[in-house]
Amino acid sequence: MQELDCLSKELSDAPVVTKELIDAWDLLKPYLSNRSKIVRHNAIRAFAKFAYTQDGISYVPDTSKLKNSSTFTPHIFTVEEIRRLLYAADNLPVRNNAPTRHLVIPAVIRLLYCCGFRIGEVLRLRVKDVDLDTGIITVHNGKGASMPSSPTRPMPAAAAARPPRTAAPTKSTAA
């Protein structure tokens, strides 16, 4: 909104939203993705609608011109890629500067893969959200409402029950 205000002062002294103002505002950031432009336009359109209710002459931009034409293509992991990813996670070295990393990373990856959680949902989980007896994990503030989710495979519970590695094996203990 601050950008729009500054641009408005440069273009005109009139306290109204004009088509020229919106077009000039669009040109400020031509590098934005189409999705980001849609988000920006939704905010400016809401403001323009408010301005129109106040003055009756402000221009309200049409949203039909902005289509979400995402070029994003998801990567579908092969079974071998998943196997290698899990193997790498399970074999992280124990580090003094990150003493629980070798425990957390495998659990996070399994929750993402097996349960379909988003990374933010997993990172916000707390001990009280996980019931290992029933296999229910409750996600709070996920996409949509708070909802319970049950792992579809026993792997997360099995990973949680696995005894933690506390130190990297040495040559004397490996024999």
N, C-alpha and C. Protein backbone atom coordinates (compact mmCIF):
# COMPACT_ATOMS: atom_id res chain seq x y z
N MET A 1 0.82 -1.18 0.00
CA MET A 1 0.00 0.00 0.00
C MET A 1 0.87 1.26 0.00
N GLN A 2 2.02 1.15 0.65
CA GLN A 2 2.92 2.30 0.70
C GLN A 2 3.41 2.63 -0.71
N GLU A 3 3.71 1.59 -1.50
CA GLU A 3 4.14 1.81 -2.89
C GLU A 3 3.06 2.54 -3.67
N LEU A 4 1.82 2.10 -3.49
CA LEU A 4 0.70 2.71 -4.21
C LEU A 4 0.53 4.17 -3.78
N ASP A 5 0.68 4.44 -2.51
CA ASP A 5 0.55 5.80 -2.01
C ASP A 5 1.62 6.71 -2.61
N CYS A 6 2.87 6.25 -2.61
CA CYS A 6 3.97 7.04 -3.18
C CYS A 6 3.76 7.27 -4.67
N LEU A 7 3.35 6.23 -5.36
CA LEU A 7 3.11 6.34 -6.80
C LEU A 7 1.95 7.29 -7.08
N SER A 8 0.93 7.23 -6.26
CA SER A 8 -0.22 8.11 -6.42
C SER A 8 0.19 9.58 -6.30
N LYS A 9 1.09 9.88 -5.35
CA LYS A 9 1.56 11.25 -5.16
C LYS A 9 2.39 11.72 -6.35
N GLU A 10 3.11 10.79 -6.98
CA GLU A 10 3.92 11.14 -8.16
C GLU A 10 3.05 11.42 -9.38
N LEU A 11 1.97 10.65 -9.53
CA LEU A 11 1.16 10.75 -10.74
C LEU A 11 0.08 11.83 -10.68
N SER A 12 -0.49 12.06 -9.50
CA SER A 12 -1.61 12.98 -9.43
C SER A 12 -1.83 13.42 -7.99
N ASP A 13 -2.45 14.56 -7.84
CA ASP A 13 -2.81 15.03 -6.50
C ASP A 13 -4.21 14.57 -6.11
N ALA A 14 -4.94 13.99 -7.06
CA ALA A 14 -6.31 13.57 -6.79
C ALA A 14 -6.32 12.34 -5.87
N PRO A 15 -7.14 12.36 -4.82
CA PRO A 15 -7.18 11.23 -3.87
C PRO A 15 -8.13 10.12 -4.33
N VAL A 16 -7.91 9.65 -5.56
CA VAL A 16 -8.73 8.56 -6.10
C VAL A 16 -7.83 7.51 -6.73
N VAL A 17 -8.34 6.30 -6.84
CA VAL A 17 -7.62 5.23 -7.52
C VAL A 17 -8.03 5.29 -8.99
N THR A 18 -7.04 5.40 -9.86
CA THR A 18 -7.32 5.47 -11.31
C THR A 18 -6.73 4.25 -12.01
N LYS A 19 -7.20 4.01 -13.23
CA LYS A 19 -6.66 2.91 -14.04
C LYS A 19 -5.18 3.15 -14.30
N GLU A 20 -4.81 4.39 -14.57
CA GLU A 20 -3.41 4.72 -14.83
C GLU A 20 -2.53 4.40 -13.61
N LEU A 21 -3.06 4.68 -12.44
CA LEU A 21 -2.32 4.39 -11.20
C LEU A 21 -2.11 2.89 -11.05
N ILE A 22 -3.14 2.11 -11.29
CA ILE A 22 -3.03 0.64 -11.17
C ILE A 22 -2.07 0.10 -12.22
N ASP A 23 -2.16 0.60 -13.45
CA ASP A 23 -1.25 0.14 -14.51
C ASP A 23 0.21 0.48 -14.18
N ALA A 24 0.45 1.69 -13.68
CA ALA A 24 1.80 2.10 -13.30
C ALA A 24 2.30 1.25 -12.13
N TRP A 25 1.40 0.95 -11.20
CA TRP A 25 1.75 0.12 -10.04
C TRP A 25 2.14 -1.29 -10.49
N ASP A 26 1.42 -1.82 -11.49
CA ASP A 26 1.76 -3.14 -12.05
C ASP A 26 3.16 -3.16 -12.64
N LEU A 27 3.57 -2.06 -13.25
CA LEU A 27 4.88 -2.00 -13.91
C LEU A 27 6.04 -1.88 -12.93
N LEU A 28 5.75 -1.59 -11.64
CA LEU A 28 6.83 -1.45 -10.65
C LEU A 28 7.61 -2.74 -10.44
N LYS A 29 6.93 -3.88 -10.53
CA LYS A 29 7.57 -5.16 -10.25
C LYS A 29 7.25 -6.18 -11.35
N PRO A 30 7.82 -5.99 -12.53
CA PRO A 30 7.51 -6.90 -13.63
C PRO A 30 8.09 -8.31 -13.44
N TYR A 31 9.02 -8.45 -12.52
CA TYR A 31 9.70 -9.72 -12.29
C TYR A 31 8.89 -10.68 -11.42
N LEU A 32 7.79 -10.22 -10.84
CA LEU A 32 7.01 -11.09 -9.95
C LEU A 32 6.36 -12.23 -10.72
N SER A 33 6.21 -13.34 -10.04
CA SER A 33 5.49 -14.46 -10.63
C SER A 33 4.02 -14.09 -10.76
N ASN A 34 3.31 -14.79 -11.61
CA ASN A 34 1.90 -14.50 -11.81
C ASN A 34 1.13 -14.67 -10.50
N ARG A 35 1.48 -15.68 -9.71
CA ARG A 35 0.80 -15.91 -8.44
C ARG A 35 1.01 -14.73 -7.49
N SER A 36 2.23 -14.20 -7.44
CA SER A 36 2.50 -13.03 -6.60
C SER A 36 1.73 -11.81 -7.08
N LYS A 37 1.61 -11.67 -8.39
CA LYS A 37 0.82 -10.56 -8.94
C LYS A 37 -0.64 -10.67 -8.53
N ILE A 38 -1.16 -11.89 -8.52
CA ILE A 38 -2.55 -12.11 -8.11
C ILE A 38 -2.74 -11.70 -6.66
N VAL A 39 -1.80 -12.08 -5.80
CA VAL A 39 -1.89 -11.72 -4.38
C VAL A 39 -1.86 -10.20 -4.23
N ARG A 40 -0.94 -9.54 -4.94
CA ARG A 40 -0.86 -8.08 -4.88
C ARG A 40 -2.15 -7.44 -5.37
N HIS A 41 -2.69 -7.98 -6.47
CA HIS A 41 -3.91 -7.42 -7.04
C HIS A 41 -5.11 -7.60 -6.11
N ASN A 42 -5.16 -8.72 -5.42
CA ASN A 42 -6.27 -8.94 -4.49
C ASN A 42 -6.27 -7.87 -3.39
N ALA A 43 -5.08 -7.54 -2.89
CA ALA A 43 -4.98 -6.52 -1.84
C ALA A 43 -5.36 -5.15 -2.39
N ILE A 44 -4.86 -4.81 -3.57
CA ILE A 44 -5.13 -3.50 -4.13
C ILE A 44 -6.58 -3.38 -4.57
N ARG A 45 -7.15 -4.50 -5.03
CA ARG A 45 -8.56 -4.49 -5.44
C ARG A 45 -9.46 -4.25 -4.23
N ALA A 46 -9.13 -4.87 -3.10
CA ALA A 46 -9.91 -4.65 -1.88
C ALA A 46 -9.85 -3.17 -1.46
N PHE A 47 -8.66 -2.58 -1.57
CA PHE A 47 -8.53 -1.16 -1.25
C PHE A 47 -9.32 -0.31 -2.23
N ALA A 48 -9.23 -0.62 -3.51
CA ALA A 48 -9.94 0.15 -4.53
C ALA A 48 -11.46 0.05 -4.34
N LYS A 49 -11.94 -1.13 -3.97
CA LYS A 49 -13.38 -1.28 -3.69
C LYS A 49 -13.80 -0.39 -2.52
N PHE A 50 -12.95 -0.36 -1.48
CA PHE A 50 -13.23 0.50 -0.34
C PHE A 50 -13.25 1.97 -0.78
N ALA A 51 -12.24 2.36 -1.57
CA ALA A 51 -12.17 3.75 -2.04
C ALA A 51 -13.41 4.10 -2.87
N TYR A 52 -13.86 3.15 -3.69
CA TYR A 52 -15.05 3.39 -4.51
C TYR A 52 -16.29 3.62 -3.64
N THR A 53 -16.40 2.86 -2.54
CA THR A 53 -17.55 3.06 -1.65
C THR A 53 -17.50 4.43 -0.99
N GLN A 54 -16.31 5.00 -0.87
CA GLN A 54 -16.16 6.30 -0.23
C GLN A 54 -16.36 7.46 -1.21
N ASP A 55 -15.82 7.31 -2.44
CA ASP A 55 -15.87 8.46 -3.37
C ASP A 55 -16.75 8.23 -4.60
N GLY A 56 -17.09 6.99 -4.89
CA GLY A 56 -17.96 6.69 -6.04
C GLY A 56 -17.31 6.81 -7.39
N ILE A 57 -16.01 7.15 -7.45
CA ILE A 57 -15.36 7.30 -8.76
C ILE A 57 -14.05 6.51 -8.89
N SER A 58 -13.52 5.96 -7.83
CA SER A 58 -12.25 5.21 -7.90
C SER A 58 -12.41 4.00 -8.81
N TYR A 59 -11.31 3.69 -9.48
CA TYR A 59 -11.26 2.56 -10.42
C TYR A 59 -11.02 1.26 -9.63
N VAL A 60 -11.86 0.26 -9.89
CA VAL A 60 -11.69 -1.06 -9.27
C VAL A 60 -11.18 -2.00 -10.35
N PRO A 61 -9.95 -2.50 -10.21
CA PRO A 61 -9.39 -3.36 -11.26
C PRO A 61 -10.15 -4.68 -11.40
N ASP A 62 -10.21 -5.14 -12.64
CA ASP A 62 -10.87 -6.40 -12.97
C ASP A 62 -9.90 -7.54 -12.69
N THR A 63 -10.38 -8.57 -11.99
CA THR A 63 -9.50 -9.69 -11.67
C THR A 63 -9.50 -10.76 -12.75
N SER A 64 -10.40 -10.68 -13.70
CA SER A 64 -10.48 -11.74 -14.72
C SER A 64 -9.26 -11.75 -15.63
N LYS A 65 -8.50 -10.67 -15.67
CA LYS A 65 -7.31 -10.62 -16.52
C LYS A 65 -6.14 -11.41 -15.92
N LEU A 66 -6.18 -11.63 -14.62
CA LEU A 66 -5.10 -12.34 -13.96
C LEU A 66 -5.49 -13.80 -13.77
N LYS A 67 -4.83 -14.66 -14.44
CA LYS A 67 -5.07 -16.10 -14.31
C LYS A 67 -3.83 -16.73 -13.71
N ASN A 68 -4.05 -17.72 -12.87
CA ASN A 68 -2.93 -18.44 -12.27
C ASN A 68 -2.41 -19.43 -13.31
N SER A 69 -1.36 -19.05 -13.99
CA SER A 69 -0.78 -19.90 -15.01
C SER A 69 0.56 -20.44 -14.53
N SER A 70 0.52 -21.13 -13.42
CA SER A 70 1.73 -21.64 -12.81
C SER A 70 2.41 -22.65 -13.74
N THR A 71 3.72 -22.56 -13.78
CA THR A 71 4.50 -23.51 -14.57
C THR A 71 5.14 -24.56 -13.68
N PHE A 72 4.75 -24.56 -12.39
CA PHE A 72 5.31 -25.50 -11.44
C PHE A 72 4.94 -26.93 -11.83
N THR A 73 5.94 -27.79 -11.86
CA THR A 73 5.73 -29.21 -12.10
C THR A 73 6.31 -29.97 -10.92
N PRO A 74 5.48 -30.71 -10.20
CA PRO A 74 6.00 -31.43 -9.05
C PRO A 74 6.94 -32.56 -9.47
N HIS A 75 7.89 -32.85 -8.60
CA HIS A 75 8.78 -33.98 -8.86
C HIS A 75 8.19 -35.21 -8.18
N ILE A 76 7.99 -36.26 -8.93
CA ILE A 76 7.51 -37.51 -8.37
C ILE A 76 8.72 -38.40 -8.15
N PHE A 77 8.99 -38.68 -6.88
CA PHE A 77 10.16 -39.48 -6.54
C PHE A 77 9.95 -40.94 -6.94
N THR A 78 11.02 -41.54 -7.43
CA THR A 78 10.97 -42.97 -7.72
C THR A 78 11.15 -43.74 -6.41
N VAL A 79 10.84 -45.00 -6.43
CA VAL A 79 11.03 -45.85 -5.25
C VAL A 79 12.50 -45.83 -4.83
N GLU A 80 13.40 -45.86 -5.80
CA GLU A 80 14.83 -45.85 -5.51
C GLU A 80 15.25 -44.52 -4.87
N GLU A 81 14.73 -43.41 -5.35
CA GLU A 81 15.05 -42.11 -4.76
C GLU A 81 14.57 -42.03 -3.31
N ILE A 82 13.37 -42.54 -3.05
CA ILE A 82 12.85 -42.56 -1.68
C ILE A 82 13.72 -43.44 -0.79
N ARG A 83 14.11 -44.59 -1.31
CA ARG A 83 14.96 -45.50 -0.54
C ARG A 83 16.28 -44.82 -0.18
N ARG A 84 16.89 -44.13 -1.15
CA ARG A 84 18.16 -43.45 -0.90
C ARG A 84 17.98 -42.28 0.07
N LEU A 85 16.87 -41.57 -0.03
CA LEU A 85 16.60 -40.46 0.87
C LEU A 85 16.45 -40.96 2.31
N LEU A 86 15.68 -42.03 2.49
CA LEU A 86 15.49 -42.59 3.83
C LEU A 86 16.80 -43.15 4.38
N TYR A 87 17.58 -43.80 3.51
CA TYR A 87 18.86 -44.35 3.93
C TYR A 87 19.79 -43.22 4.40
N ALA A 88 19.84 -42.15 3.62
CA ALA A 88 20.70 -41.02 3.99
C ALA A 88 20.25 -40.40 5.31
N ALA A 89 18.95 -40.26 5.48
CA ALA A 89 18.42 -39.69 6.73
C ALA A 89 18.74 -40.59 7.92
N ASP A 90 18.61 -41.89 7.73
CA ASP A 90 18.86 -42.84 8.82
C ASP A 90 20.34 -42.96 9.17
N ASN A 91 21.21 -42.51 8.30
CA ASN A 91 22.64 -42.67 8.53
C ASN A 91 23.36 -41.34 8.72
N LEU A 92 22.62 -40.33 9.16
CA LEU A 92 23.27 -39.06 9.47
C LEU A 92 24.20 -39.25 10.66
N PRO A 93 25.37 -38.66 10.62
CA PRO A 93 26.29 -38.81 11.76
C PRO A 93 25.79 -38.01 12.97
N VAL A 94 26.15 -38.49 14.15
CA VAL A 94 25.85 -37.76 15.38
C VAL A 94 26.84 -36.61 15.45
N ARG A 95 26.35 -35.42 15.72
CA ARG A 95 27.22 -34.25 15.79
C ARG A 95 27.06 -33.57 17.13
N ASN A 96 28.15 -33.11 17.68
CA ASN A 96 28.10 -32.42 18.97
C ASN A 96 27.36 -31.09 18.87
N ASN A 97 27.49 -30.39 17.73
CA ASN A 97 26.84 -29.09 17.59
C ASN A 97 25.35 -29.21 17.24
N ALA A 98 24.88 -30.41 16.92
CA ALA A 98 23.46 -30.66 16.64
C ALA A 98 23.13 -32.06 17.18
N PRO A 99 23.04 -32.19 18.50
CA PRO A 99 22.97 -33.51 19.11
C PRO A 99 21.71 -34.33 18.81
N THR A 100 20.64 -33.71 18.33
CA THR A 100 19.43 -34.48 18.02
C THR A 100 19.12 -34.53 16.52
N ARG A 101 19.97 -33.95 15.71
CA ARG A 101 19.73 -33.90 14.26
C ARG A 101 19.51 -35.28 13.67
N HIS A 102 20.32 -36.26 14.07
CA HIS A 102 20.23 -37.61 13.52
C HIS A 102 18.93 -38.30 13.92
N LEU A 103 18.22 -37.76 14.90
CA LEU A 103 16.92 -38.29 15.32
C LEU A 103 15.77 -37.53 14.67
N VAL A 104 15.92 -36.22 14.57
CA VAL A 104 14.83 -35.37 14.08
C VAL A 104 14.65 -35.49 12.57
N ILE A 105 15.73 -35.43 11.81
CA ILE A 105 15.63 -35.44 10.35
C ILE A 105 14.93 -36.70 9.83
N PRO A 106 15.29 -37.91 10.27
CA PRO A 106 14.57 -39.09 9.79
C PRO A 106 13.07 -39.06 10.13
N ALA A 107 12.74 -38.57 11.32
CA ALA A 107 11.32 -38.49 11.71
C ALA A 107 10.57 -37.48 10.85
N VAL A 108 11.18 -36.34 10.59
CA VAL A 108 10.54 -35.31 9.76
C VAL A 108 10.31 -35.84 8.35
N ILE A 109 11.33 -36.46 7.78
CA ILE A 109 11.20 -36.98 6.41
C ILE A 109 10.12 -38.04 6.34
N ARG A 110 10.03 -38.91 7.32
CA ARG A 110 8.99 -39.94 7.32
C ARG A 110 7.60 -39.35 7.47
N LEU A 111 7.46 -38.32 8.28
CA LEU A 111 6.15 -37.68 8.42
C LEU A 111 5.74 -36.99 7.11
N LEU A 112 6.69 -36.37 6.45
CA LEU A 112 6.39 -35.74 5.16
C LEU A 112 5.99 -36.79 4.13
N TYR A 113 6.75 -37.86 4.07
CA TYR A 113 6.52 -38.89 3.05
C TYR A 113 5.33 -39.78 3.38
N CYS A 114 5.26 -40.29 4.56
CA CYS A 114 4.23 -41.27 4.91
C CYS A 114 2.87 -40.65 5.20
N CYS A 115 2.85 -39.47 5.77
CA CYS A 115 1.58 -38.87 6.20
C CYS A 115 1.12 -37.74 5.28
N GLY A 116 2.01 -37.27 4.43
CA GLY A 116 1.62 -36.21 3.51
C GLY A 116 1.53 -34.84 4.15
N PHE A 117 2.18 -34.67 5.29
CA PHE A 117 2.16 -33.37 5.95
C PHE A 117 2.99 -32.37 5.16
N ARG A 118 2.71 -31.11 5.37
CA ARG A 118 3.53 -30.03 4.83
C ARG A 118 4.65 -29.77 5.85
N ILE A 119 5.74 -29.21 5.39
CA ILE A 119 6.89 -29.01 6.27
C ILE A 119 6.54 -28.13 7.47
N GLY A 120 5.78 -27.08 7.26
CA GLY A 120 5.38 -26.21 8.37
C GLY A 120 4.54 -26.93 9.40
N GLU A 121 3.69 -27.85 8.95
CA GLU A 121 2.86 -28.63 9.87
C GLU A 121 3.73 -29.52 10.75
N VAL A 122 4.72 -30.15 10.15
CA VAL A 122 5.62 -31.03 10.90
C VAL A 122 6.45 -30.23 11.90
N LEU A 123 6.96 -29.10 11.47
CA LEU A 123 7.82 -28.31 12.35
C LEU A 123 7.06 -27.69 13.52
N ARG A 124 5.74 -27.54 13.38
CA ARG A 124 4.93 -27.00 14.49
C ARG A 124 4.40 -28.08 15.42
N LEU A 125 4.64 -29.36 15.12
CA LEU A 125 4.15 -30.44 15.99
C LEU A 125 4.81 -30.37 17.36
N ARG A 126 4.04 -30.72 18.37
CA ARG A 126 4.54 -30.81 19.73
C ARG A 126 4.27 -32.22 20.24
N VAL A 127 4.94 -32.62 21.29
CA VAL A 127 4.79 -33.97 21.85
C VAL A 127 3.32 -34.28 22.12
N LYS A 128 2.57 -33.32 22.65
CA LYS A 128 1.16 -33.55 22.99
C LYS A 128 0.29 -33.80 21.75
N ASP A 129 0.78 -33.47 20.55
CA ASP A 129 0.02 -33.67 19.32
C ASP A 129 0.13 -35.09 18.78
N VAL A 130 1.03 -35.88 19.34
CA VAL A 130 1.32 -37.22 18.83
C VAL A 130 0.87 -38.26 19.85
N ASP A 131 -0.02 -39.16 19.41
CA ASP A 131 -0.47 -40.26 20.26
C ASP A 131 0.03 -41.56 19.62
N LEU A 132 1.13 -42.09 20.12
CA LEU A 132 1.72 -43.29 19.54
C LEU A 132 0.86 -44.53 19.76
N ASP A 133 0.02 -44.53 20.80
CA ASP A 133 -0.84 -45.69 21.05
C ASP A 133 -1.91 -45.85 19.96
N THR A 134 -2.50 -44.75 19.54
CA THR A 134 -3.55 -44.82 18.52
C THR A 134 -3.03 -44.53 17.12
N GLY A 135 -1.83 -43.98 17.03
CA GLY A 135 -1.28 -43.63 15.72
C GLY A 135 -1.87 -42.34 15.17
N ILE A 136 -2.45 -41.51 16.05
CA ILE A 136 -3.07 -40.26 15.62
C ILE A 136 -2.13 -39.09 15.87
N ILE A 137 -1.96 -38.27 14.85
CA ILE A 137 -1.18 -37.05 14.96
C ILE A 137 -2.14 -35.91 14.66
N THR A 138 -2.25 -34.97 15.59
CA THR A 138 -3.16 -33.85 15.40
C THR A 138 -2.38 -32.64 14.89
N VAL A 139 -2.83 -32.12 13.76
CA VAL A 139 -2.19 -30.97 13.15
C VAL A 139 -3.01 -29.74 13.50
N HIS A 140 -2.35 -28.75 14.09
CA HIS A 140 -3.00 -27.48 14.42
C HIS A 140 -2.52 -26.43 13.44
N ASN A 141 -3.42 -25.56 13.02
CA ASN A 141 -3.08 -24.46 12.11
C ASN A 141 -2.45 -24.95 10.82
N GLY A 142 -2.95 -26.06 10.32
CA GLY A 142 -2.50 -26.54 9.02
C GLY A 142 -3.28 -25.84 7.93
N LYS A 143 -3.09 -26.26 6.71
CA LYS A 143 -3.88 -25.69 5.63
C LYS A 143 -5.30 -26.18 5.82
N GLY A 144 -6.20 -25.28 6.07
CA GLY A 144 -7.55 -25.65 6.44
C GLY A 144 -7.66 -25.60 7.95
N ALA A 145 -8.57 -26.35 8.50
CA ALA A 145 -8.81 -26.32 9.95
C ALA A 145 -7.90 -27.30 10.67
N SER A 146 -7.91 -27.22 12.00
CA SER A 146 -7.19 -28.19 12.82
C SER A 146 -7.83 -29.55 12.59
N MET A 147 -7.01 -30.54 12.27
CA MET A 147 -7.58 -31.83 11.94
C MET A 147 -6.66 -32.95 12.38
N PRO A 148 -7.27 -34.06 12.85
CA PRO A 148 -6.43 -35.21 13.17
C PRO A 148 -6.03 -35.93 11.90
N SER A 149 -4.88 -36.52 11.93
CA SER A 149 -4.41 -37.28 10.79
C SER A 149 -3.81 -38.57 11.30
N SER A 150 -4.12 -39.64 10.63
CA SER A 150 -3.59 -40.93 11.04
C SER A 150 -2.58 -41.40 10.01
N PRO A 151 -1.40 -41.78 10.42
CA PRO A 151 -0.42 -42.28 9.46
C PRO A 151 -0.99 -43.47 8.69
N THR A 152 -0.73 -43.50 7.39
CA THR A 152 -1.26 -44.57 6.56
C THR A 152 -0.37 -45.79 6.58
N ARG A 153 0.84 -45.62 7.07
CA ARG A 153 1.77 -46.74 7.14
C ARG A 153 2.36 -46.78 8.54
N PRO A 154 2.79 -47.95 9.00
CA PRO A 154 3.33 -48.04 10.36
C PRO A 154 4.74 -47.47 10.50
N MET A 155 5.34 -47.01 9.43
CA MET A 155 6.73 -46.56 9.48
C MET A 155 6.98 -45.45 10.49
N PRO A 156 6.14 -44.38 10.59
CA PRO A 156 6.45 -43.34 11.58
C PRO A 156 6.46 -43.86 13.01
N ALA A 157 5.52 -44.72 13.37
CA ALA A 157 5.50 -45.27 14.73
C ALA A 157 6.72 -46.15 14.96
N ALA A 158 7.08 -46.93 13.94
CA ALA A 158 8.25 -47.79 14.06
C ALA A 158 9.51 -46.94 14.21
N ALA A 159 9.56 -45.83 13.47
CA ALA A 159 10.74 -44.96 13.56
C ALA A 159 10.80 -44.30 14.93
N ALA A 160 9.62 -43.95 15.49
CA ALA A 160 9.61 -43.32 16.81
C ALA A 160 10.01 -44.31 17.89
N ALA A 161 9.71 -45.59 17.68
CA ALA A 161 10.02 -46.61 18.69
C ALA A 161 11.47 -47.08 18.61
N ARG A 162 12.16 -46.75 17.50
CA ARG A 162 13.54 -47.17 17.32
C ARG A 162 14.42 -46.52 18.38
N PRO A 163 15.29 -47.29 19.04
CA PRO A 163 16.15 -46.69 20.07
C PRO A 163 17.09 -45.66 19.46
N PRO A 164 17.28 -44.54 20.13
CA PRO A 164 18.13 -43.49 19.58
C PRO A 164 19.61 -43.88 19.59
N ARG A 165 20.32 -43.40 18.57
CA ARG A 165 21.77 -43.56 18.57
C ARG A 165 22.34 -42.39 19.36
N THR A 166 23.17 -42.68 20.29
CA THR A 166 23.71 -41.61 21.12
C THR A 166 25.12 -41.22 20.71
N ALA A 167 25.79 -42.08 20.02
CA ALA A 167 27.15 -41.75 19.60
C ALA A 167 27.47 -42.55 18.35
N ALA A 168 28.36 -42.02 17.57
CA ALA A 168 28.79 -42.73 16.38
C ALA A 168 29.60 -43.94 16.79
N PRO A 169 29.41 -45.09 16.12
CA PRO A 169 30.18 -46.27 16.50
C PRO A 169 31.67 -46.06 16.26
N THR A 170 32.45 -46.58 17.14
CA THR A 170 33.90 -46.51 16.98
C THR A 170 34.41 -47.86 16.50
N LYS A 171 35.67 -47.91 16.08
CA LYS A 171 36.23 -49.18 15.60
C LYS A 171 36.26 -50.24 16.70
N SER A 172 36.47 -49.82 17.92
CA SER A 172 36.55 -50.80 19.01
C SER A 172 35.18 -51.38 19.34
N THR A 173 34.07 -50.60 19.17
CA THR A 173 32.74 -51.12 19.46
C THR A 173 32.11 -51.78 18.27
N ALA A 174 32.64 -51.55 17.08
CA ALA A 174 32.05 -52.12 15.87
C ALA A 174 32.38 -53.59 15.73
N ALA A 175 33.41 -54.08 16.38
CA ALA A 175 33.84 -55.47 16.21
C ALA A 175 33.02 -56.45 17.00
